[in-house]
N, C-alpha and C. Protein backbone atom coordinates (compact mmCIF):
# COMPACT_ATOMS: atom_id res chain seq x y z
N MET A 1 117.29 96.13 112.92
CA MET A 1 116.17 96.64 113.70
C MET A 1 116.37 96.33 115.16
N THR A 2 115.97 97.24 116.00
CA THR A 2 116.07 96.99 117.43
C THR A 2 114.86 96.21 117.88
N ALA A 3 115.09 95.22 118.72
CA ALA A 3 114.04 94.31 119.13
C ALA A 3 113.06 94.95 120.11
N ASP A 4 113.43 96.06 120.73
CA ASP A 4 112.58 96.63 121.77
C ASP A 4 111.54 97.61 121.21
N ILE A 5 111.49 97.79 119.90
CA ILE A 5 110.48 98.66 119.30
C ILE A 5 109.33 97.79 118.81
N PRO A 6 108.17 97.87 119.46
CA PRO A 6 107.05 97.02 119.04
C PRO A 6 106.52 97.47 117.69
N ARG A 7 106.18 96.51 116.86
CA ARG A 7 105.65 96.81 115.53
C ARG A 7 104.40 96.01 115.28
N GLU A 8 103.47 96.63 114.57
CA GLU A 8 102.30 95.90 114.12
C GLU A 8 102.73 94.92 113.02
N PRO A 9 101.96 93.85 112.81
CA PRO A 9 102.30 92.93 111.72
C PRO A 9 102.30 93.66 110.37
N THR A 10 103.18 93.24 109.48
CA THR A 10 103.22 93.82 108.14
C THR A 10 101.94 93.49 107.39
N GLN A 11 101.34 94.51 106.77
CA GLN A 11 100.05 94.34 106.10
C GLN A 11 100.21 94.27 104.59
N LEU A 12 99.18 93.76 103.94
CA LEU A 12 99.18 93.62 102.48
C LEU A 12 98.48 94.81 101.83
N TYR A 13 99.09 95.33 100.76
CA TYR A 13 98.61 96.51 100.05
C TYR A 13 98.55 96.11 98.57
N LEU A 14 97.35 95.95 98.04
CA LEU A 14 97.18 95.55 96.64
C LEU A 14 97.15 96.75 95.72
N ILE A 15 97.78 96.63 94.57
CA ILE A 15 97.73 97.66 93.53
C ILE A 15 97.07 97.05 92.30
N SER A 16 96.17 97.80 91.71
CA SER A 16 95.41 97.25 90.58
C SER A 16 96.28 97.06 89.35
N PRO A 17 95.87 96.16 88.46
CA PRO A 17 96.47 96.15 87.12
C PRO A 17 95.95 97.37 86.37
N LEU A 18 96.50 97.64 85.21
CA LEU A 18 96.05 98.81 84.45
C LEU A 18 94.65 98.59 83.86
N GLU A 19 94.29 97.33 83.60
CA GLU A 19 92.97 97.02 83.07
C GLU A 19 92.06 96.60 84.23
N VAL A 20 91.05 97.41 84.52
CA VAL A 20 90.20 97.13 85.67
C VAL A 20 88.73 96.98 85.29
N GLY A 21 88.47 96.82 83.99
CA GLY A 21 87.11 96.59 83.54
C GLY A 21 86.82 95.10 83.49
N GLY A 22 85.81 94.71 82.69
CA GLY A 22 85.50 93.30 82.51
C GLY A 22 85.20 92.60 83.81
N ASP A 23 85.90 91.48 84.05
CA ASP A 23 85.63 90.70 85.26
C ASP A 23 86.49 91.13 86.44
N PHE A 24 87.22 92.24 86.29
CA PHE A 24 88.13 92.61 87.39
C PHE A 24 87.40 92.89 88.71
N PRO A 25 86.24 93.56 88.71
CA PRO A 25 85.58 93.76 90.01
C PRO A 25 85.36 92.45 90.78
N GLU A 26 84.98 91.41 90.06
CA GLU A 26 84.76 90.14 90.74
C GLU A 26 86.08 89.54 91.22
N ARG A 27 87.14 89.73 90.45
CA ARG A 27 88.46 89.26 90.88
C ARG A 27 88.88 89.99 92.15
N LEU A 28 88.63 91.29 92.19
CA LEU A 28 88.97 92.06 93.39
C LEU A 28 88.17 91.57 94.58
N ARG A 29 86.90 91.31 94.37
CA ARG A 29 86.06 90.83 95.46
C ARG A 29 86.62 89.51 96.03
N ARG A 30 87.01 88.63 95.14
CA ARG A 30 87.56 87.34 95.58
C ARG A 30 88.87 87.54 96.32
N ALA A 31 89.71 88.44 95.80
CA ALA A 31 91.02 88.67 96.44
C ALA A 31 90.85 89.21 97.85
N LEU A 32 89.95 90.17 98.02
CA LEU A 32 89.77 90.79 99.34
C LEU A 32 89.12 89.83 100.33
N ALA A 33 88.40 88.84 99.81
CA ALA A 33 87.77 87.85 100.68
C ALA A 33 88.74 86.75 101.09
N ALA A 34 89.86 86.65 100.39
CA ALA A 34 90.79 85.54 100.62
C ALA A 34 91.59 85.68 101.91
N ALA A 35 91.91 86.93 102.26
CA ALA A 35 92.72 87.19 103.45
C ALA A 35 92.68 88.70 103.73
N PRO A 36 93.13 89.13 104.92
CA PRO A 36 93.10 90.57 105.22
C PRO A 36 93.96 91.39 104.27
N VAL A 37 93.38 92.43 103.69
CA VAL A 37 94.09 93.36 102.81
C VAL A 37 93.85 94.77 103.35
N ALA A 38 94.92 95.46 103.71
CA ALA A 38 94.78 96.77 104.36
C ALA A 38 94.35 97.86 103.39
N ALA A 39 94.88 97.81 102.16
CA ALA A 39 94.61 98.89 101.21
C ALA A 39 94.63 98.37 99.78
N PHE A 40 93.89 99.07 98.93
CA PHE A 40 93.87 98.78 97.50
C PHE A 40 94.10 100.09 96.77
N GLN A 41 95.06 100.07 95.85
CA GLN A 41 95.37 101.28 95.08
C GLN A 41 94.82 101.15 93.66
N PHE A 42 93.98 102.12 93.30
CA PHE A 42 93.39 102.19 91.96
C PHE A 42 94.37 102.90 91.05
N ARG A 43 94.96 102.15 90.10
CA ARG A 43 96.03 102.68 89.25
C ARG A 43 95.69 102.41 87.79
N VAL A 44 95.26 103.44 87.09
CA VAL A 44 94.99 103.34 85.65
C VAL A 44 95.75 104.47 84.94
N LYS A 45 96.00 104.27 83.67
CA LYS A 45 96.80 105.25 82.91
C LYS A 45 96.12 105.55 81.58
N GLY A 46 96.29 106.78 81.10
CA GLY A 46 95.90 107.11 79.74
C GLY A 46 94.41 107.22 79.48
N ILE A 47 93.61 107.41 80.53
CA ILE A 47 92.17 107.61 80.33
C ILE A 47 91.75 108.88 81.05
N ASP A 48 90.62 109.46 80.61
CA ASP A 48 90.18 110.70 81.23
C ASP A 48 89.56 110.44 82.60
N GLU A 49 89.43 111.50 83.37
CA GLU A 49 88.99 111.36 84.75
C GLU A 49 87.56 110.82 84.85
N HIS A 50 86.70 111.20 83.92
CA HIS A 50 85.32 110.72 83.97
C HIS A 50 85.27 109.21 83.79
N THR A 51 86.03 108.70 82.81
CA THR A 51 86.08 107.25 82.58
C THR A 51 86.69 106.55 83.78
N ALA A 52 87.76 107.13 84.33
CA ALA A 52 88.40 106.54 85.50
C ALA A 52 87.43 106.46 86.68
N ALA A 53 86.65 107.51 86.87
CA ALA A 53 85.69 107.52 87.97
C ALA A 53 84.64 106.43 87.80
N ASP A 54 84.19 106.22 86.55
CA ASP A 54 83.21 105.16 86.30
C ASP A 54 83.79 103.78 86.60
N LEU A 55 85.06 103.58 86.22
CA LEU A 55 85.71 102.30 86.50
C LEU A 55 85.94 102.11 87.99
N ALA A 56 86.23 103.20 88.67
CA ALA A 56 86.57 103.12 90.09
C ALA A 56 85.36 102.82 90.97
N ALA A 57 84.19 103.28 90.58
CA ALA A 57 83.02 103.22 91.47
C ALA A 57 82.73 101.83 92.02
N PRO A 58 82.62 100.79 91.18
CA PRO A 58 82.34 99.46 91.76
C PRO A 58 83.48 98.93 92.60
N LEU A 59 84.71 99.27 92.23
CA LEU A 59 85.87 98.80 93.00
C LEU A 59 85.90 99.47 94.37
N GLN A 60 85.56 100.74 94.40
CA GLN A 60 85.53 101.47 95.67
C GLN A 60 84.49 100.86 96.62
N GLN A 61 83.34 100.47 96.07
CA GLN A 61 82.30 99.85 96.89
C GLN A 61 82.74 98.49 97.42
N ILE A 62 83.41 97.72 96.58
CA ILE A 62 83.92 96.42 97.01
C ILE A 62 84.91 96.59 98.16
N CYS A 63 85.78 97.59 98.05
CA CYS A 63 86.74 97.86 99.12
C CYS A 63 86.03 98.28 100.40
N ALA A 64 85.03 99.13 100.26
CA ALA A 64 84.28 99.58 101.44
C ALA A 64 83.62 98.39 102.13
N ASP A 65 83.04 97.49 101.35
CA ASP A 65 82.39 96.32 101.93
C ASP A 65 83.37 95.43 102.66
N ALA A 66 84.62 95.41 102.18
CA ALA A 66 85.65 94.54 102.78
C ALA A 66 86.43 95.22 103.89
N GLY A 67 86.21 96.52 104.10
CA GLY A 67 86.97 97.25 105.10
C GLY A 67 88.39 97.54 104.67
N THR A 68 88.59 97.63 103.35
CA THR A 68 89.91 97.90 102.77
C THR A 68 89.97 99.35 102.30
N ALA A 69 91.01 100.06 102.66
CA ALA A 69 91.16 101.46 102.24
C ALA A 69 91.30 101.54 100.72
N PHE A 70 90.62 102.51 100.11
CA PHE A 70 90.65 102.70 98.67
C PHE A 70 91.51 103.93 98.37
N ILE A 71 92.66 103.71 97.74
CA ILE A 71 93.64 104.75 97.47
C ILE A 71 93.74 104.99 95.97
N VAL A 72 93.73 106.23 95.56
CA VAL A 72 93.85 106.58 94.14
C VAL A 72 95.31 106.90 93.82
N ASN A 73 95.79 106.32 92.74
CA ASN A 73 97.16 106.58 92.30
C ASN A 73 97.24 107.88 91.51
N ASP A 74 98.20 108.71 91.82
CA ASP A 74 98.61 109.89 91.03
C ASP A 74 97.69 111.11 91.12
N SER A 75 96.38 110.92 91.07
CA SER A 75 95.48 112.04 90.83
C SER A 75 94.78 112.55 92.09
N ILE A 76 95.18 113.73 92.53
CA ILE A 76 94.51 114.37 93.67
C ILE A 76 93.06 114.69 93.30
N SER A 77 92.85 115.15 92.07
CA SER A 77 91.50 115.55 91.67
C SER A 77 90.56 114.35 91.60
N LEU A 78 91.04 113.20 91.13
CA LEU A 78 90.19 112.00 91.10
C LEU A 78 89.91 111.52 92.52
N ALA A 79 90.91 111.56 93.38
CA ALA A 79 90.69 111.17 94.77
C ALA A 79 89.64 112.06 95.42
N LYS A 80 89.69 113.35 95.12
CA LYS A 80 88.70 114.29 95.64
C LYS A 80 87.32 113.98 95.09
N ARG A 81 87.24 113.75 93.79
CA ARG A 81 85.97 113.47 93.13
C ARG A 81 85.30 112.22 93.71
N LEU A 82 86.10 111.21 94.00
CA LEU A 82 85.57 109.94 94.50
C LEU A 82 85.39 109.92 96.01
N ASP A 83 85.90 110.95 96.69
CA ASP A 83 85.96 110.93 98.15
C ASP A 83 86.66 109.65 98.61
N ALA A 84 87.79 109.39 97.96
CA ALA A 84 88.57 108.18 98.26
C ALA A 84 89.20 108.30 99.65
N ASP A 85 89.69 107.17 100.13
CA ASP A 85 90.34 107.17 101.45
C ASP A 85 91.69 107.85 101.41
N GLY A 86 92.25 107.99 100.19
CA GLY A 86 93.55 108.65 100.11
C GLY A 86 94.07 108.68 98.69
N VAL A 87 95.30 109.18 98.57
CA VAL A 87 95.95 109.29 97.27
C VAL A 87 97.41 108.89 97.42
N HIS A 88 97.94 108.27 96.37
CA HIS A 88 99.37 107.94 96.36
C HIS A 88 100.04 108.77 95.28
N LEU A 89 101.04 109.54 95.67
CA LEU A 89 101.68 110.48 94.76
C LEU A 89 103.07 110.02 94.36
N GLY A 90 103.33 110.03 93.05
CA GLY A 90 104.69 109.88 92.58
C GLY A 90 105.42 111.20 92.73
N GLN A 91 106.69 111.22 92.41
CA GLN A 91 107.46 112.44 92.60
C GLN A 91 107.03 113.57 91.67
N LYS A 92 106.28 113.25 90.61
CA LYS A 92 105.84 114.27 89.66
C LYS A 92 104.32 114.45 89.67
N ASP A 93 103.66 113.95 90.69
CA ASP A 93 102.19 113.92 90.68
C ASP A 93 101.52 114.94 91.59
N GLY A 94 102.28 115.85 92.13
CA GLY A 94 101.65 116.84 93.00
C GLY A 94 102.31 116.90 94.35
N ASP A 95 101.88 117.87 95.12
CA ASP A 95 102.50 118.16 96.41
C ASP A 95 101.66 117.61 97.55
N VAL A 96 102.34 117.08 98.55
CA VAL A 96 101.64 116.54 99.72
C VAL A 96 100.77 117.60 100.39
N ARG A 97 101.30 118.80 100.49
CA ARG A 97 100.54 119.87 101.16
C ARG A 97 99.28 120.23 100.38
N GLU A 98 99.40 120.24 99.05
CA GLU A 98 98.22 120.50 98.21
C GLU A 98 97.19 119.38 98.40
N ALA A 99 97.67 118.13 98.42
CA ALA A 99 96.76 117.00 98.60
C ALA A 99 96.05 117.09 99.94
N ARG A 100 96.79 117.47 100.97
CA ARG A 100 96.19 117.59 102.30
C ARG A 100 95.12 118.69 102.31
N GLU A 101 95.44 119.80 101.67
CA GLU A 101 94.49 120.92 101.65
C GLU A 101 93.21 120.53 100.92
N ARG A 102 93.34 119.78 99.83
CA ARG A 102 92.18 119.44 99.02
C ARG A 102 91.41 118.23 99.56
N LEU A 103 92.11 117.29 100.18
CA LEU A 103 91.48 116.04 100.59
C LEU A 103 91.12 115.97 102.07
N GLY A 104 91.72 116.85 102.87
CA GLY A 104 91.36 116.89 104.28
C GLY A 104 92.31 116.11 105.18
N ARG A 105 92.12 116.30 106.46
CA ARG A 105 93.03 115.73 107.44
C ARG A 105 92.94 114.21 107.53
N GLU A 106 91.78 113.64 107.18
CA GLU A 106 91.60 112.20 107.34
C GLU A 106 92.17 111.40 106.17
N ALA A 107 92.47 112.05 105.07
CA ALA A 107 92.96 111.34 103.89
C ALA A 107 94.32 110.72 104.14
N GLN A 108 94.53 109.54 103.60
CA GLN A 108 95.83 108.88 103.67
C GLN A 108 96.64 109.28 102.44
N ILE A 109 97.75 109.93 102.66
CA ILE A 109 98.58 110.42 101.56
C ILE A 109 99.92 109.70 101.59
N GLY A 110 100.19 108.97 100.50
CA GLY A 110 101.45 108.26 100.38
C GLY A 110 102.31 108.85 99.29
N VAL A 111 103.60 108.65 99.39
CA VAL A 111 104.54 109.24 98.42
C VAL A 111 105.58 108.20 98.01
N THR A 112 105.78 108.08 96.70
CA THR A 112 106.85 107.24 96.17
C THR A 112 108.19 107.91 96.43
N CYS A 113 109.10 107.19 97.07
CA CYS A 113 110.40 107.77 97.40
C CYS A 113 111.57 106.96 96.83
N HIS A 114 111.25 105.99 95.99
CA HIS A 114 112.27 105.17 95.32
C HIS A 114 113.23 104.57 96.35
N GLY A 115 114.51 104.86 96.21
CA GLY A 115 115.49 104.38 97.18
C GLY A 115 116.15 105.53 97.90
N SER A 116 115.44 106.66 98.00
CA SER A 116 116.04 107.89 98.50
C SER A 116 115.63 108.22 99.93
N ARG A 117 116.61 108.30 100.79
CA ARG A 117 116.34 108.74 102.17
C ARG A 117 115.89 110.19 102.20
N ASP A 118 116.50 111.03 101.36
CA ASP A 118 116.16 112.45 101.33
C ASP A 118 114.71 112.66 100.91
N LEU A 119 114.27 111.97 99.85
CA LEU A 119 112.89 112.13 99.40
C LEU A 119 111.91 111.67 100.47
N ALA A 120 112.26 110.60 101.16
CA ALA A 120 111.38 110.09 102.22
C ALA A 120 111.26 111.08 103.37
N MET A 121 112.38 111.66 103.76
CA MET A 121 112.33 112.64 104.85
C MET A 121 111.56 113.89 104.44
N GLU A 122 111.73 114.30 103.17
CA GLU A 122 110.97 115.45 102.68
C GLU A 122 109.47 115.17 102.69
N ALA A 123 109.09 113.96 102.29
CA ALA A 123 107.67 113.59 102.29
C ALA A 123 107.11 113.60 103.71
N GLY A 124 107.88 113.07 104.63
CA GLY A 124 107.43 113.07 106.02
C GLY A 124 107.27 114.47 106.57
N GLU A 125 108.22 115.33 106.26
CA GLU A 125 108.14 116.71 106.73
C GLU A 125 106.96 117.45 106.12
N ALA A 126 106.57 117.06 104.90
CA ALA A 126 105.45 117.71 104.22
C ALA A 126 104.10 117.22 104.72
N GLY A 127 104.12 116.14 105.51
CA GLY A 127 102.87 115.66 106.10
C GLY A 127 102.32 114.39 105.50
N ALA A 128 103.14 113.62 104.78
CA ALA A 128 102.68 112.35 104.23
C ALA A 128 102.33 111.38 105.36
N ASP A 129 101.41 110.46 105.05
CA ASP A 129 101.02 109.44 106.02
C ASP A 129 101.84 108.17 105.89
N TYR A 130 102.44 107.97 104.73
CA TYR A 130 103.37 106.85 104.55
C TYR A 130 104.30 107.15 103.39
N VAL A 131 105.44 106.48 103.38
CA VAL A 131 106.40 106.59 102.28
C VAL A 131 106.58 105.21 101.67
N ALA A 132 106.83 105.17 100.36
CA ALA A 132 107.00 103.91 99.65
C ALA A 132 108.40 103.82 99.05
N PHE A 133 109.07 102.71 99.32
CA PHE A 133 110.41 102.48 98.79
C PHE A 133 110.38 101.34 97.77
N GLY A 134 111.20 101.43 96.73
CA GLY A 134 111.30 100.36 95.75
C GLY A 134 111.86 100.90 94.44
N ALA A 135 112.09 100.05 93.46
CA ALA A 135 111.70 98.65 93.46
C ALA A 135 112.80 97.78 94.08
N PHE A 136 112.35 96.75 94.81
CA PHE A 136 113.29 95.86 95.47
C PHE A 136 113.71 94.71 94.57
N PHE A 137 112.85 94.38 93.60
CA PHE A 137 113.13 93.28 92.68
C PHE A 137 112.69 93.69 91.28
N PRO A 138 113.16 92.99 90.24
CA PRO A 138 112.68 93.28 88.89
C PRO A 138 111.16 93.10 88.81
N THR A 139 110.52 93.94 88.03
CA THR A 139 109.07 93.87 87.90
C THR A 139 108.65 94.18 86.47
N THR A 140 107.58 93.53 86.03
CA THR A 140 107.04 93.79 84.70
C THR A 140 105.85 94.73 84.75
N THR A 141 105.43 95.15 85.95
CA THR A 141 104.25 95.99 86.09
C THR A 141 104.50 97.39 85.56
N LYS A 142 105.69 97.91 85.76
CA LYS A 142 106.03 99.23 85.24
C LYS A 142 107.53 99.29 84.99
N GLU A 143 107.93 100.25 84.20
CA GLU A 143 109.36 100.42 83.92
C GLU A 143 110.07 100.91 85.17
N VAL A 144 111.12 100.21 85.54
CA VAL A 144 111.82 100.52 86.79
C VAL A 144 113.07 101.35 86.51
N GLU A 145 113.12 102.52 87.08
CA GLU A 145 114.30 103.37 86.96
C GLU A 145 115.11 103.38 88.26
N HIS A 146 114.44 103.04 89.36
CA HIS A 146 115.06 103.14 90.67
C HIS A 146 115.00 101.79 91.39
N HIS A 147 116.06 101.51 92.11
CA HIS A 147 116.12 100.28 92.89
C HIS A 147 116.41 100.65 94.35
N ALA A 148 115.88 99.82 95.23
CA ALA A 148 116.07 100.07 96.66
C ALA A 148 116.65 98.83 97.33
N ASP A 149 117.39 99.05 98.39
CA ASP A 149 117.96 97.96 99.16
C ASP A 149 117.15 97.79 100.44
N PRO A 150 116.91 96.56 100.89
CA PRO A 150 116.12 96.36 102.11
C PRO A 150 116.65 97.14 103.31
N GLU A 151 117.92 97.48 103.28
CA GLU A 151 118.50 98.21 104.42
C GLU A 151 117.80 99.54 104.65
N ILE A 152 117.24 100.13 103.58
CA ILE A 152 116.57 101.43 103.75
C ILE A 152 115.32 101.29 104.60
N LEU A 153 114.68 100.11 104.56
CA LEU A 153 113.51 99.87 105.40
C LEU A 153 113.92 99.82 106.87
N THR A 154 115.03 99.17 107.14
CA THR A 154 115.52 99.08 108.52
C THR A 154 115.92 100.46 109.04
N TRP A 155 116.61 101.21 108.20
CA TRP A 155 117.01 102.58 108.58
C TRP A 155 115.77 103.42 108.91
N TRP A 156 114.79 103.37 108.02
CA TRP A 156 113.59 104.18 108.24
C TRP A 156 112.87 103.75 109.51
N GLN A 157 112.72 102.46 109.70
CA GLN A 157 111.96 101.95 110.83
C GLN A 157 112.60 102.30 112.17
N THR A 158 113.91 102.37 112.21
CA THR A 158 114.59 102.64 113.47
C THR A 158 114.60 104.13 113.83
N ILE A 159 114.30 104.99 112.86
CA ILE A 159 114.37 106.43 113.11
C ILE A 159 113.01 107.10 113.12
N PHE A 160 112.12 106.65 112.24
CA PHE A 160 110.84 107.35 112.05
C PHE A 160 109.65 106.47 112.42
N GLU A 161 108.58 107.11 112.89
CA GLU A 161 107.36 106.39 113.22
C GLU A 161 106.43 106.25 112.02
N LEU A 162 106.64 107.07 111.00
CA LEU A 162 105.79 107.04 109.81
C LEU A 162 105.92 105.68 109.12
N PRO A 163 104.79 105.06 108.75
CA PRO A 163 104.85 103.75 108.11
C PRO A 163 105.57 103.80 106.75
N CYS A 164 106.18 102.68 106.39
CA CYS A 164 106.83 102.57 105.09
C CYS A 164 106.30 101.36 104.34
N VAL A 165 106.25 101.52 103.02
CA VAL A 165 105.73 100.50 102.12
C VAL A 165 106.87 100.01 101.23
N ALA A 166 106.96 98.70 101.06
CA ALA A 166 107.91 98.12 100.12
C ALA A 166 107.17 97.72 98.85
N ILE A 167 107.74 98.06 97.69
CA ILE A 167 107.07 97.79 96.42
C ILE A 167 108.08 97.38 95.36
N GLY A 168 107.62 96.61 94.38
CA GLY A 168 108.47 96.31 93.24
C GLY A 168 108.89 94.87 93.12
N GLY A 169 108.13 94.08 92.34
CA GLY A 169 108.51 92.71 92.04
C GLY A 169 108.46 91.75 93.20
N ILE A 170 107.70 92.06 94.23
CA ILE A 170 107.67 91.25 95.46
C ILE A 170 106.76 90.04 95.26
N THR A 171 107.20 88.89 95.74
CA THR A 171 106.45 87.64 95.66
C THR A 171 106.22 87.10 97.07
N PRO A 172 105.36 86.08 97.20
CA PRO A 172 105.19 85.46 98.52
C PRO A 172 106.51 84.93 99.08
N GLU A 173 107.42 84.53 98.18
CA GLU A 173 108.69 83.97 98.63
C GLU A 173 109.65 85.03 99.14
N THR A 174 109.51 86.28 98.66
CA THR A 174 110.46 87.33 99.03
C THR A 174 109.88 88.35 100.02
N CYS A 175 108.58 88.31 100.26
CA CYS A 175 107.99 89.35 101.10
C CYS A 175 108.40 89.26 102.56
N GLY A 176 108.68 88.04 103.03
CA GLY A 176 109.02 87.88 104.44
C GLY A 176 110.29 88.62 104.82
N ALA A 177 111.29 88.59 103.94
CA ALA A 177 112.55 89.27 104.23
C ALA A 177 112.36 90.77 104.30
N LEU A 178 111.47 91.33 103.46
CA LEU A 178 111.21 92.77 103.49
C LEU A 178 110.41 93.15 104.74
N ALA A 179 109.50 92.29 105.14
CA ALA A 179 108.77 92.53 106.38
C ALA A 179 109.74 92.53 107.57
N GLU A 180 110.64 91.57 107.54
CA GLU A 180 111.64 91.48 108.61
C GLU A 180 112.56 92.70 108.62
N ALA A 181 112.87 93.21 107.44
CA ALA A 181 113.74 94.38 107.33
C ALA A 181 113.08 95.64 107.87
N GLY A 182 111.74 95.67 107.86
CA GLY A 182 111.07 96.84 108.43
C GLY A 182 109.86 97.35 107.68
N ALA A 183 109.45 96.70 106.59
CA ALA A 183 108.29 97.18 105.84
C ALA A 183 107.02 97.04 106.66
N ASP A 184 106.25 98.11 106.75
CA ASP A 184 104.95 98.06 107.42
C ASP A 184 103.88 97.52 106.49
N PHE A 185 104.07 97.75 105.19
CA PHE A 185 103.15 97.26 104.17
C PHE A 185 103.95 96.67 103.02
N ILE A 186 103.42 95.60 102.44
CA ILE A 186 103.98 95.00 101.24
C ILE A 186 103.01 95.29 100.11
N ALA A 187 103.45 96.07 99.11
CA ALA A 187 102.60 96.43 97.98
C ALA A 187 102.87 95.50 96.81
N VAL A 188 101.80 94.90 96.28
CA VAL A 188 101.96 93.92 95.22
C VAL A 188 100.90 94.12 94.14
N SER A 189 101.26 93.78 92.92
CA SER A 189 100.32 93.86 91.81
C SER A 189 100.44 92.61 90.94
N GLY A 190 101.47 92.56 90.11
CA GLY A 190 101.61 91.45 89.18
C GLY A 190 101.60 90.09 89.83
N ALA A 191 102.20 89.96 91.01
CA ALA A 191 102.27 88.67 91.69
C ALA A 191 100.89 88.16 92.07
N VAL A 192 99.91 89.06 92.12
CA VAL A 192 98.53 88.66 92.42
C VAL A 192 97.70 88.53 91.16
N TRP A 193 97.73 89.56 90.31
CA TRP A 193 96.79 89.62 89.18
C TRP A 193 97.25 88.83 87.96
N ASN A 194 98.52 88.43 87.89
CA ASN A 194 98.99 87.66 86.75
C ASN A 194 98.68 86.17 86.86
N GLY A 195 97.99 85.80 87.92
CA GLY A 195 97.62 84.39 88.10
C GLY A 195 96.34 84.27 88.89
N ASP A 196 96.28 83.28 89.74
CA ASP A 196 95.11 83.05 90.59
C ASP A 196 95.18 84.00 91.77
N GLU A 197 94.32 85.02 91.76
CA GLU A 197 94.40 86.06 92.80
C GLU A 197 94.11 85.52 94.20
N VAL A 198 93.22 84.54 94.31
CA VAL A 198 92.89 84.00 95.62
C VAL A 198 94.08 83.25 96.20
N ALA A 199 94.67 82.38 95.41
CA ALA A 199 95.84 81.63 95.87
C ALA A 199 97.00 82.56 96.21
N ALA A 200 97.18 83.60 95.40
CA ALA A 200 98.29 84.52 95.64
C ALA A 200 98.10 85.31 96.92
N VAL A 201 96.91 85.84 97.13
CA VAL A 201 96.66 86.61 98.35
C VAL A 201 96.82 85.72 99.58
N LYS A 202 96.34 84.50 99.49
CA LYS A 202 96.50 83.57 100.62
C LYS A 202 97.98 83.28 100.88
N ALA A 203 98.76 83.14 99.81
CA ALA A 203 100.19 82.86 99.97
C ALA A 203 100.91 84.03 100.62
N PHE A 204 100.57 85.26 100.21
CA PHE A 204 101.16 86.44 100.85
C PHE A 204 100.75 86.50 102.33
N ALA A 205 99.48 86.26 102.59
CA ALA A 205 98.99 86.34 103.97
C ALA A 205 99.68 85.32 104.87
N GLU A 206 99.89 84.14 104.35
CA GLU A 206 100.57 83.12 105.13
C GLU A 206 102.03 83.50 105.38
N ALA A 207 102.67 84.06 104.34
CA ALA A 207 104.08 84.46 104.50
C ALA A 207 104.23 85.59 105.51
N LEU A 208 103.22 86.47 105.55
CA LEU A 208 103.25 87.62 106.47
C LEU A 208 102.62 87.30 107.81
N LYS A 209 102.14 86.06 107.95
CA LYS A 209 101.51 85.59 109.19
C LYS A 209 100.25 86.41 109.53
N LEU A 210 99.48 86.71 108.48
CA LEU A 210 98.22 87.43 108.67
C LEU A 210 97.05 86.48 108.90
N VAL A 211 97.28 85.20 108.62
CA VAL A 211 96.23 84.20 108.83
C VAL A 211 96.81 83.03 109.61
């Protein structure tokens, strides 16, 4: 990375576990109160949109109260239904242009680009607001087919102004190197929700110098 390009501090981006019922709303509230969190991604699988919307409602309010962007994973229609702050699209989840048309100019649209420079450039050209690279480390949150090298963050940061997100098996111990490489956001799930969410968020925030 070139030292003469000013960058904002790397921010924390939380992704939900697949189970978001029960006491999860309170866990989310505690996590968002522990340290600054830029965005929260609502990620559930295998349930209908009506059920997903019911689960999302309290979480969306908690995010609004905390000033954290509420992003819906995969579903443009659910993001539209909830009037969410944005949507995160996988490579098979829809088109950026369609999402923009349906969600409006203010929506934050992110795209999973794995370890591909070509996919990232295509997403940027289509009008995405951020691109996500990963997985950088082994993860138990989802099956990993693609791996990324931190060098792709540096390459992206030196050429493009569009923010980039690092995702995949990231811990408080490893996030600093990815931030240094060029990640604008560090996306985490298991490292927070598989243990004490307050301690984990604080550890990430300290590593990223957010507190």
